[in-house]
Amino acid sequence: MSTALVVIDMQQGMFTDEIAPYRGDEVLQCVGDLLKRARASRVPIFHVQHDGGPGDILGKGSAGWPHHPAVAPKDGEPVIEKRHGSAFQDTDLHVRLQAAGIDRLVIAGMQTEICVDSACRAAAALGYSVVLASDAHTTFDSPVLPAERIVAHHNRTLDGMFVELSATSEVRF
């Protein structure tokens, strides 16, 4: 199998003093570890960047738009800009992955219940073998559930049917 790492929406606007993701620093370290190991193994890396539109904290050109410096793309690593929850909807991600002969994805990033979940499900529906790094995705507390439970729920729900769940330290490229 030919593997790629897909890092979703790890943007500065997700890491501010006003809002802080659950285990944010730990997730940055886990994503950083995945990036380091993928680069060392020459595994293709695709960074996904969300454009929330004008006035949004992740709006293109806003202070929140750039990738977090701890996990920013290196020269030559493609960046897929998206306007929807799924990294596949109205983007060329699938075409790029197919052109590169990729059939297995390792997914990490933000937000667990929106963009990470939809990328995992869409990738599985498109026939990719998907590994979700269980400790390398996160979100925020919602009015209904704390972030810790959202992450745990999605790990449990996605595992088996849509993804193979794996701790960062156990992900193999």
N, C-alpha and C. Protein backbone atom coordinates (compact mmCIF):
# COMPACT_ATOMS: atom_id res chain seq x y z
N MET A 1 0.84 -1.19 0.00
CA MET A 1 0.00 0.00 0.00
C MET A 1 0.87 1.24 0.00
N SER A 2 0.40 2.26 -0.68
CA SER A 2 1.10 3.53 -0.71
C SER A 2 0.36 4.52 0.18
N THR A 3 1.06 5.06 1.16
CA THR A 3 0.45 5.85 2.23
C THR A 3 0.75 7.33 2.08
N ALA A 4 -0.21 8.17 2.50
CA ALA A 4 -0.02 9.61 2.63
C ALA A 4 -0.53 10.04 4.00
N LEU A 5 0.08 11.08 4.53
CA LEU A 5 -0.39 11.72 5.76
C LEU A 5 -1.24 12.91 5.36
N VAL A 6 -2.43 13.02 5.94
CA VAL A 6 -3.32 14.16 5.70
C VAL A 6 -3.52 14.88 7.04
N VAL A 7 -3.08 16.13 7.08
CA VAL A 7 -3.18 16.96 8.28
C VAL A 7 -4.26 18.01 8.04
N ILE A 8 -5.29 17.98 8.87
CA ILE A 8 -6.49 18.78 8.63
C ILE A 8 -6.59 19.99 9.56
N ASP A 9 -6.65 21.17 8.97
CA ASP A 9 -7.02 22.43 9.63
C ASP A 9 -6.24 22.77 10.89
N MET A 10 -4.96 22.50 10.89
CA MET A 10 -4.13 22.87 12.05
C MET A 10 -3.67 24.31 11.85
N GLN A 11 -4.62 25.23 12.04
CA GLN A 11 -4.41 26.64 11.75
C GLN A 11 -4.33 27.48 13.02
N GLN A 12 -3.68 28.61 12.91
CA GLN A 12 -3.46 29.47 14.07
C GLN A 12 -4.75 29.90 14.74
N GLY A 13 -5.81 30.08 13.98
CA GLY A 13 -7.08 30.51 14.55
C GLY A 13 -7.71 29.49 15.48
N MET A 14 -7.24 28.27 15.43
CA MET A 14 -7.76 27.22 16.31
C MET A 14 -7.03 27.19 17.65
N PHE A 15 -5.96 27.96 17.76
CA PHE A 15 -5.13 27.95 18.97
C PHE A 15 -4.92 29.39 19.44
N THR A 16 -5.93 29.95 20.09
CA THR A 16 -5.84 31.32 20.57
C THR A 16 -6.05 31.37 22.07
N ASP A 17 -5.83 32.54 22.64
CA ASP A 17 -6.07 32.71 24.07
C ASP A 17 -7.57 32.61 24.40
N GLU A 18 -8.42 32.99 23.45
CA GLU A 18 -9.87 32.97 23.68
C GLU A 18 -10.45 31.56 23.61
N ILE A 19 -9.92 30.77 22.68
CA ILE A 19 -10.40 29.39 22.54
C ILE A 19 -9.18 28.47 22.52
N ALA A 20 -9.28 27.43 23.27
CA ALA A 20 -8.16 26.48 23.31
C ALA A 20 -8.73 25.08 23.11
N PRO A 21 -8.18 24.34 22.16
CA PRO A 21 -8.69 22.99 21.93
C PRO A 21 -8.29 22.04 23.07
N TYR A 22 -9.07 21.03 23.25
CA TYR A 22 -8.78 19.97 24.22
C TYR A 22 -7.43 19.34 23.89
N ARG A 23 -6.53 19.28 24.90
CA ARG A 23 -5.20 18.70 24.74
C ARG A 23 -4.44 19.34 23.56
N GLY A 24 -4.63 20.61 23.35
CA GLY A 24 -4.05 21.28 22.19
C GLY A 24 -2.55 21.11 22.04
N ASP A 25 -1.81 21.32 23.11
CA ASP A 25 -0.35 21.18 23.04
C ASP A 25 0.06 19.74 22.75
N GLU A 26 -0.63 18.78 23.37
CA GLU A 26 -0.33 17.37 23.13
C GLU A 26 -0.62 16.98 21.68
N VAL A 27 -1.73 17.48 21.16
CA VAL A 27 -2.10 17.17 19.78
C VAL A 27 -1.07 17.79 18.82
N LEU A 28 -0.65 19.01 19.09
CA LEU A 28 0.40 19.62 18.27
C LEU A 28 1.66 18.75 18.27
N GLN A 29 2.03 18.22 19.43
CA GLN A 29 3.21 17.34 19.51
C GLN A 29 2.99 16.05 18.72
N CYS A 30 1.81 15.47 18.83
CA CYS A 30 1.52 14.23 18.10
C CYS A 30 1.54 14.47 16.58
N VAL A 31 0.90 15.54 16.14
CA VAL A 31 0.91 15.85 14.71
C VAL A 31 2.34 16.15 14.26
N GLY A 32 3.08 16.88 15.08
CA GLY A 32 4.48 17.14 14.77
C GLY A 32 5.29 15.87 14.64
N ASP A 33 5.03 14.90 15.50
CA ASP A 33 5.72 13.61 15.43
C ASP A 33 5.35 12.88 14.14
N LEU A 34 4.08 12.87 13.78
CA LEU A 34 3.66 12.23 12.53
C LEU A 34 4.34 12.89 11.34
N LEU A 35 4.38 14.22 11.34
CA LEU A 35 5.04 14.94 10.24
C LEU A 35 6.52 14.59 10.16
N LYS A 36 7.18 14.58 11.29
CA LYS A 36 8.62 14.27 11.31
C LYS A 36 8.88 12.87 10.75
N ARG A 37 8.09 11.90 11.19
CA ARG A 37 8.30 10.53 10.74
C ARG A 37 7.91 10.35 9.27
N ALA A 38 6.83 11.01 8.85
CA ALA A 38 6.44 10.92 7.43
C ALA A 38 7.51 11.54 6.54
N ARG A 39 8.02 12.69 6.95
CA ARG A 39 9.09 13.34 6.16
C ARG A 39 10.33 12.46 6.09
N ALA A 40 10.70 11.87 7.21
CA ALA A 40 11.90 11.01 7.25
C ALA A 40 11.71 9.78 6.36
N SER A 41 10.47 9.31 6.24
CA SER A 41 10.18 8.13 5.42
C SER A 41 9.80 8.50 3.98
N ARG A 42 9.84 9.79 3.68
CA ARG A 42 9.47 10.29 2.35
C ARG A 42 8.02 9.96 1.97
N VAL A 43 7.16 9.96 2.96
CA VAL A 43 5.73 9.73 2.75
C VAL A 43 5.11 11.05 2.31
N PRO A 44 4.30 11.05 1.26
CA PRO A 44 3.63 12.28 0.85
C PRO A 44 2.76 12.85 1.97
N ILE A 45 2.79 14.16 2.09
CA ILE A 45 2.01 14.86 3.12
C ILE A 45 1.11 15.87 2.44
N PHE A 46 -0.15 15.86 2.81
CA PHE A 46 -1.12 16.82 2.29
C PHE A 46 -1.68 17.59 3.47
N HIS A 47 -1.55 18.91 3.43
CA HIS A 47 -2.09 19.77 4.47
C HIS A 47 -3.41 20.33 3.96
N VAL A 48 -4.42 20.29 4.81
CA VAL A 48 -5.73 20.84 4.47
C VAL A 48 -5.92 22.11 5.28
N GLN A 49 -6.42 23.15 4.61
CA GLN A 49 -6.56 24.46 5.25
C GLN A 49 -7.98 24.96 4.99
N HIS A 50 -8.71 25.25 6.07
CA HIS A 50 -10.11 25.67 5.96
C HIS A 50 -10.22 27.17 5.80
N ASP A 51 -11.01 27.57 4.81
CA ASP A 51 -11.35 28.98 4.60
C ASP A 51 -12.80 29.16 5.01
N GLY A 52 -13.00 29.79 6.17
CA GLY A 52 -14.35 30.00 6.68
C GLY A 52 -15.06 31.19 6.06
N GLY A 53 -14.39 31.91 5.17
CA GLY A 53 -15.00 33.06 4.51
C GLY A 53 -14.73 34.35 5.25
N PRO A 54 -15.10 35.47 4.64
CA PRO A 54 -14.85 36.78 5.25
C PRO A 54 -15.45 36.88 6.64
N GLY A 55 -14.66 37.40 7.58
CA GLY A 55 -15.13 37.59 8.95
C GLY A 55 -14.95 36.38 9.84
N ASP A 56 -14.64 35.23 9.28
CA ASP A 56 -14.46 34.01 10.08
C ASP A 56 -13.04 33.97 10.63
N ILE A 57 -12.87 33.36 11.79
CA ILE A 57 -11.55 33.27 12.40
C ILE A 57 -10.55 32.53 11.50
N LEU A 58 -11.08 31.67 10.60
CA LEU A 58 -10.22 30.95 9.66
C LEU A 58 -10.37 31.48 8.23
N GLY A 59 -10.92 32.67 8.08
CA GLY A 59 -11.07 33.25 6.75
C GLY A 59 -9.72 33.47 6.08
N LYS A 60 -9.68 33.18 4.80
CA LYS A 60 -8.43 33.34 4.04
C LYS A 60 -7.94 34.77 4.18
N GLY A 61 -6.68 34.91 4.55
CA GLY A 61 -6.09 36.23 4.74
C GLY A 61 -6.20 36.77 6.15
N SER A 62 -7.00 36.11 7.00
CA SER A 62 -7.15 36.56 8.39
C SER A 62 -5.94 36.11 9.21
N ALA A 63 -5.84 36.64 10.43
CA ALA A 63 -4.75 36.24 11.33
C ALA A 63 -4.83 34.76 11.69
N GLY A 64 -6.02 34.18 11.65
CA GLY A 64 -6.19 32.78 12.00
C GLY A 64 -5.98 31.82 10.84
N TRP A 65 -5.85 32.33 9.63
CA TRP A 65 -5.73 31.51 8.42
C TRP A 65 -4.44 30.68 8.34
N PRO A 66 -3.27 31.22 8.67
CA PRO A 66 -2.03 30.45 8.48
C PRO A 66 -2.00 29.17 9.32
N HIS A 67 -1.21 28.23 8.84
CA HIS A 67 -0.99 26.99 9.59
C HIS A 67 -0.27 27.32 10.90
N HIS A 68 -0.56 26.53 11.94
CA HIS A 68 0.17 26.69 13.19
C HIS A 68 1.65 26.44 12.90
N PRO A 69 2.54 27.31 13.38
CA PRO A 69 3.96 27.15 13.04
C PRO A 69 4.58 25.81 13.47
N ALA A 70 4.04 25.19 14.50
CA ALA A 70 4.60 23.91 14.96
C ALA A 70 4.35 22.77 13.98
N VAL A 71 3.35 22.94 13.10
CA VAL A 71 2.99 21.86 12.17
C VAL A 71 2.77 22.39 10.75
N ALA A 72 3.44 23.47 10.43
CA ALA A 72 3.28 24.12 9.12
C ALA A 72 3.90 23.28 8.01
N PRO A 73 3.35 23.42 6.80
CA PRO A 73 3.92 22.70 5.66
C PRO A 73 5.34 23.15 5.35
N LYS A 74 6.12 22.20 4.85
CA LYS A 74 7.45 22.50 4.33
C LYS A 74 7.32 22.74 2.83
N ASP A 75 8.33 23.35 2.23
CA ASP A 75 8.33 23.57 0.79
C ASP A 75 8.05 22.26 0.05
N GLY A 76 7.15 22.33 -0.90
CA GLY A 76 6.82 21.17 -1.72
C GLY A 76 5.67 20.33 -1.19
N GLU A 77 5.24 20.56 0.05
CA GLU A 77 4.11 19.80 0.58
C GLU A 77 2.82 20.51 0.17
N PRO A 78 1.95 19.82 -0.56
CA PRO A 78 0.74 20.46 -1.06
C PRO A 78 -0.21 20.89 0.05
N VAL A 79 -0.88 22.00 -0.21
CA VAL A 79 -1.91 22.52 0.69
C VAL A 79 -3.23 22.52 -0.09
N ILE A 80 -4.21 21.88 0.47
CA ILE A 80 -5.55 21.80 -0.11
C ILE A 80 -6.43 22.80 0.63
N GLU A 81 -6.90 23.81 -0.08
CA GLU A 81 -7.82 24.78 0.53
C GLU A 81 -9.24 24.28 0.36
N LYS A 82 -10.03 24.38 1.45
CA LYS A 82 -11.41 23.92 1.40
C LYS A 82 -12.36 24.95 2.00
N ARG A 83 -13.60 24.87 1.60
CA ARG A 83 -14.65 25.75 2.13
C ARG A 83 -15.74 24.97 2.85
N HIS A 84 -15.63 23.65 2.86
CA HIS A 84 -16.64 22.79 3.47
C HIS A 84 -15.99 21.94 4.57
N GLY A 85 -16.81 21.21 5.30
CA GLY A 85 -16.29 20.35 6.35
C GLY A 85 -15.36 19.25 5.83
N SER A 86 -15.72 18.66 4.70
CA SER A 86 -14.92 17.57 4.16
C SER A 86 -13.77 18.08 3.30
N ALA A 87 -12.60 17.50 3.51
CA ALA A 87 -11.43 17.84 2.70
C ALA A 87 -11.60 17.39 1.26
N PHE A 88 -12.58 16.55 0.99
CA PHE A 88 -12.80 16.03 -0.36
C PHE A 88 -13.84 16.82 -1.14
N GLN A 89 -14.75 17.52 -0.45
CA GLN A 89 -15.84 18.22 -1.14
C GLN A 89 -15.32 19.47 -1.84
N ASP A 90 -15.52 19.53 -3.15
CA ASP A 90 -15.13 20.67 -3.98
C ASP A 90 -13.64 21.00 -3.89
N THR A 91 -12.81 19.98 -3.70
CA THR A 91 -11.35 20.16 -3.73
C THR A 91 -10.76 19.13 -4.69
N ASP A 92 -9.48 19.24 -4.94
CA ASP A 92 -8.81 18.26 -5.81
C ASP A 92 -8.02 17.23 -5.00
N LEU A 93 -8.32 17.07 -3.72
CA LEU A 93 -7.58 16.14 -2.88
C LEU A 93 -7.62 14.72 -3.44
N HIS A 94 -8.80 14.23 -3.77
CA HIS A 94 -8.93 12.86 -4.28
C HIS A 94 -8.13 12.68 -5.57
N VAL A 95 -8.20 13.64 -6.46
CA VAL A 95 -7.46 13.59 -7.73
C VAL A 95 -5.96 13.55 -7.47
N ARG A 96 -5.49 14.38 -6.55
CA ARG A 96 -4.06 14.41 -6.22
C ARG A 96 -3.60 13.09 -5.60
N LEU A 97 -4.42 12.55 -4.71
CA LEU A 97 -4.08 11.28 -4.08
C LEU A 97 -4.02 10.16 -5.12
N GLN A 98 -5.00 10.13 -6.01
CA GLN A 98 -5.01 9.11 -7.06
C GLN A 98 -3.80 9.26 -7.97
N ALA A 99 -3.48 10.49 -8.34
CA ALA A 99 -2.33 10.73 -9.22
C ALA A 99 -1.02 10.26 -8.58
N ALA A 100 -0.97 10.33 -7.25
CA ALA A 100 0.23 9.90 -6.52
C ALA A 100 0.20 8.40 -6.20
N GLY A 101 -0.86 7.71 -6.59
CA GLY A 101 -0.96 6.28 -6.34
C GLY A 101 -1.22 5.93 -4.89
N ILE A 102 -1.83 6.84 -4.16
CA ILE A 102 -2.10 6.65 -2.73
C ILE A 102 -3.37 5.82 -2.54
N ASP A 103 -3.30 4.82 -1.66
CA ASP A 103 -4.50 4.06 -1.33
C ASP A 103 -4.70 3.91 0.18
N ARG A 104 -3.79 4.49 0.95
CA ARG A 104 -3.90 4.44 2.41
C ARG A 104 -3.61 5.83 2.98
N LEU A 105 -4.48 6.30 3.87
CA LEU A 105 -4.32 7.62 4.47
C LEU A 105 -4.17 7.51 5.97
N VAL A 106 -3.25 8.30 6.51
CA VAL A 106 -3.17 8.52 7.95
C VAL A 106 -3.72 9.93 8.15
N ILE A 107 -4.74 10.06 9.00
CA ILE A 107 -5.43 11.34 9.18
C ILE A 107 -5.23 11.84 10.61
N ALA A 108 -4.98 13.16 10.71
CA ALA A 108 -4.83 13.85 11.99
C ALA A 108 -5.30 15.28 11.81
N GLY A 109 -5.61 15.96 12.92
CA GLY A 109 -5.95 17.38 12.81
C GLY A 109 -7.15 17.80 13.62
N MET A 110 -7.87 18.78 13.06
CA MET A 110 -9.01 19.40 13.74
C MET A 110 -10.17 19.56 12.78
N GLN A 111 -11.29 19.71 13.18
CA GLN A 111 -12.00 19.48 14.40
C GLN A 111 -12.58 18.09 14.35
N THR A 112 -12.46 17.36 15.40
CA THR A 112 -12.83 15.95 15.46
C THR A 112 -14.20 15.68 14.86
N GLU A 113 -15.23 16.35 15.36
CA GLU A 113 -16.60 16.01 15.00
C GLU A 113 -17.06 16.59 13.67
N ILE A 114 -16.23 17.41 13.06
CA ILE A 114 -16.63 18.03 11.79
C ILE A 114 -15.67 17.58 10.70
N CYS A 115 -14.54 18.24 10.61
CA CYS A 115 -13.63 18.04 9.48
C CYS A 115 -12.88 16.72 9.53
N VAL A 116 -12.47 16.27 10.71
CA VAL A 116 -11.78 14.99 10.81
C VAL A 116 -12.76 13.85 10.52
N ASP A 117 -13.92 13.89 11.14
CA ASP A 117 -14.94 12.87 10.92
C ASP A 117 -15.33 12.79 9.45
N SER A 118 -15.63 13.92 8.83
CA SER A 118 -16.08 13.89 7.44
C SER A 118 -14.97 13.43 6.49
N ALA A 119 -13.72 13.77 6.79
CA ALA A 119 -12.61 13.30 5.94
C ALA A 119 -12.46 11.79 6.06
N CYS A 120 -12.57 11.26 7.26
CA CYS A 120 -12.45 9.81 7.46
C CYS A 120 -13.55 9.07 6.71
N ARG A 121 -14.77 9.54 6.86
CA ARG A 121 -15.90 8.86 6.22
C ARG A 121 -15.84 8.98 4.70
N ALA A 122 -15.49 10.16 4.20
CA ALA A 122 -15.40 10.35 2.75
C ALA A 122 -14.27 9.50 2.17
N ALA A 123 -13.14 9.48 2.84
CA ALA A 123 -12.00 8.68 2.37
C ALA A 123 -12.37 7.19 2.31
N ALA A 124 -13.03 6.70 3.35
CA ALA A 124 -13.45 5.30 3.35
C ALA A 124 -14.43 5.03 2.22
N ALA A 125 -15.37 5.95 1.98
CA ALA A 125 -16.34 5.79 0.90
C ALA A 125 -15.67 5.79 -0.47
N LEU A 126 -14.54 6.46 -0.58
CA LEU A 126 -13.80 6.51 -1.85
C LEU A 126 -12.85 5.33 -2.01
N GLY A 127 -12.82 4.44 -1.01
CA GLY A 127 -12.04 3.23 -1.13
C GLY A 127 -10.66 3.26 -0.50
N TYR A 128 -10.32 4.33 0.19
CA TYR A 128 -9.03 4.39 0.86
C TYR A 128 -9.06 3.55 2.14
N SER A 129 -7.94 2.98 2.48
CA SER A 129 -7.72 2.41 3.79
C SER A 129 -7.32 3.60 4.67
N VAL A 130 -8.00 3.79 5.79
CA VAL A 130 -7.80 4.99 6.60
C VAL A 130 -7.34 4.62 8.00
N VAL A 131 -6.27 5.27 8.43
CA VAL A 131 -5.80 5.16 9.81
C VAL A 131 -6.05 6.51 10.47
N LEU A 132 -6.78 6.53 11.56
CA LEU A 132 -7.00 7.75 12.33
C LEU A 132 -6.07 7.70 13.53
N ALA A 133 -5.20 8.69 13.63
CA ALA A 133 -4.31 8.79 14.79
C ALA A 133 -5.15 9.24 15.98
N SER A 134 -5.44 8.31 16.87
CA SER A 134 -6.43 8.52 17.93
C SER A 134 -6.09 9.66 18.88
N ASP A 135 -4.82 9.97 19.03
CA ASP A 135 -4.39 11.03 19.94
C ASP A 135 -3.87 12.26 19.20
N ALA A 136 -4.10 12.32 17.89
CA ALA A 136 -3.61 13.43 17.07
C ALA A 136 -4.74 14.18 16.39
N HIS A 137 -5.91 14.17 17.03
CA HIS A 137 -7.02 15.02 16.59
C HIS A 137 -7.73 15.55 17.82
N THR A 138 -8.37 16.70 17.65
CA THR A 138 -8.99 17.34 18.81
C THR A 138 -10.11 18.27 18.39
N THR A 139 -10.76 18.84 19.39
CA THR A 139 -11.86 19.78 19.17
C THR A 139 -12.03 20.65 20.42
N PHE A 140 -13.17 21.28 20.51
CA PHE A 140 -13.50 22.18 21.62
C PHE A 140 -14.73 21.65 22.34
N ASP A 141 -14.91 22.09 23.59
CA ASP A 141 -16.15 21.77 24.30
C ASP A 141 -17.32 22.33 23.51
N SER A 142 -18.43 21.61 23.51
CA SER A 142 -19.65 22.10 22.89
C SER A 142 -20.66 22.37 23.99
N PRO A 143 -21.80 22.99 23.67
CA PRO A 143 -22.83 23.18 24.70
C PRO A 143 -23.41 21.86 25.20
N VAL A 144 -23.21 20.79 24.45
CA VAL A 144 -23.80 19.49 24.78
C VAL A 144 -22.81 18.53 25.42
N LEU A 145 -21.56 18.53 24.93
CA LEU A 145 -20.56 17.58 25.41
C LEU A 145 -19.20 18.25 25.58
N PRO A 146 -18.43 17.80 26.56
CA PRO A 146 -17.05 18.28 26.65
C PRO A 146 -16.22 17.66 25.52
N ALA A 147 -15.17 18.36 25.12
CA ALA A 147 -14.32 17.91 24.01
C ALA A 147 -13.77 16.51 24.25
N GLU A 148 -13.40 16.20 25.48
CA GLU A 148 -12.85 14.88 25.79
C GLU A 148 -13.81 13.77 25.36
N ARG A 149 -15.10 13.97 25.61
CA ARG A 149 -16.10 12.96 25.25
C ARG A 149 -16.37 12.95 23.76
N ILE A 150 -16.28 14.11 23.12
CA ILE A 150 -16.46 14.17 21.65
C ILE A 150 -15.36 13.35 20.97
N VAL A 151 -14.12 13.56 21.40
CA VAL A 151 -12.99 12.83 20.82
C VAL A 151 -13.16 11.33 21.07
N ALA A 152 -13.47 10.95 22.31
CA ALA A 152 -13.64 9.54 22.65
C ALA A 152 -14.77 8.90 21.84
N HIS A 153 -15.88 9.62 21.71
CA HIS A 153 -17.02 9.12 20.95
C HIS A 153 -16.65 8.88 19.49
N HIS A 154 -15.97 9.84 18.88
CA HIS A 154 -15.60 9.68 17.46
C HIS A 154 -14.55 8.59 17.26
N ASN A 155 -13.63 8.48 18.17
CA ASN A 155 -12.68 7.37 18.07
C ASN A 155 -13.44 6.04 18.07
N ARG A 156 -14.39 5.91 18.98
CA ARG A 156 -15.18 4.67 19.10
C ARG A 156 -16.08 4.46 17.89
N THR A 157 -16.74 5.50 17.42
CA THR A 157 -17.69 5.39 16.32
C THR A 157 -17.01 5.09 14.98
N LEU A 158 -15.89 5.74 14.73
CA LEU A 158 -15.21 5.57 13.45
C LEU A 158 -14.42 4.27 13.37
N ASP A 159 -13.91 3.79 14.51
CA ASP A 159 -13.05 2.61 14.55
C ASP A 159 -13.77 1.37 14.02
N GLY A 160 -13.11 0.71 13.10
CA GLY A 160 -13.65 -0.54 12.57
C GLY A 160 -14.41 -0.38 11.28
N MET A 161 -15.42 0.48 11.28
CA MET A 161 -16.24 0.65 10.08
C MET A 161 -15.59 1.60 9.07
N PHE A 162 -14.99 2.68 9.57
CA PHE A 162 -14.44 3.70 8.67
C PHE A 162 -12.92 3.81 8.75
N VAL A 163 -12.34 3.51 9.90
CA VAL A 163 -10.90 3.69 10.10
C VAL A 163 -10.33 2.56 10.93
N GLU A 164 -9.03 2.46 10.85
CA GLU A 164 -8.26 1.70 11.83
C GLU A 164 -7.74 2.74 12.81
N LEU A 165 -8.04 2.60 14.06
CA LEU A 165 -7.62 3.55 15.07
C LEU A 165 -6.23 3.17 15.57
N SER A 166 -5.35 4.15 15.66
CA SER A 166 -3.98 3.87 16.09
C SER A 166 -3.41 5.06 16.83
N ALA A 167 -2.75 4.82 17.96
CA ALA A 167 -2.04 5.89 18.66
C ALA A 167 -0.90 6.38 17.76
N THR A 168 -0.57 7.63 17.89
CA THR A 168 0.50 8.22 17.09
C THR A 168 1.77 7.37 17.11
N SER A 169 2.15 6.93 18.28
CA SER A 169 3.39 6.15 18.42
C SER A 169 3.34 4.81 17.70
N GLU A 170 2.13 4.34 17.37
CA GLU A 170 1.98 3.05 16.70
C GLU A 170 1.69 3.17 15.21
N VAL A 171 1.52 4.39 14.72
CA VAL A 171 1.26 4.59 13.28
C VAL A 171 2.50 4.20 12.50
N ARG A 172 2.30 3.37 11.48
CA ARG A 172 3.40 2.95 10.62
C ARG A 172 3.21 3.55 9.23
N PHE A 173 4.30 4.06 8.70
CA PHE A 173 4.24 4.65 7.34
C PHE A 173 4.85 3.71 6.34
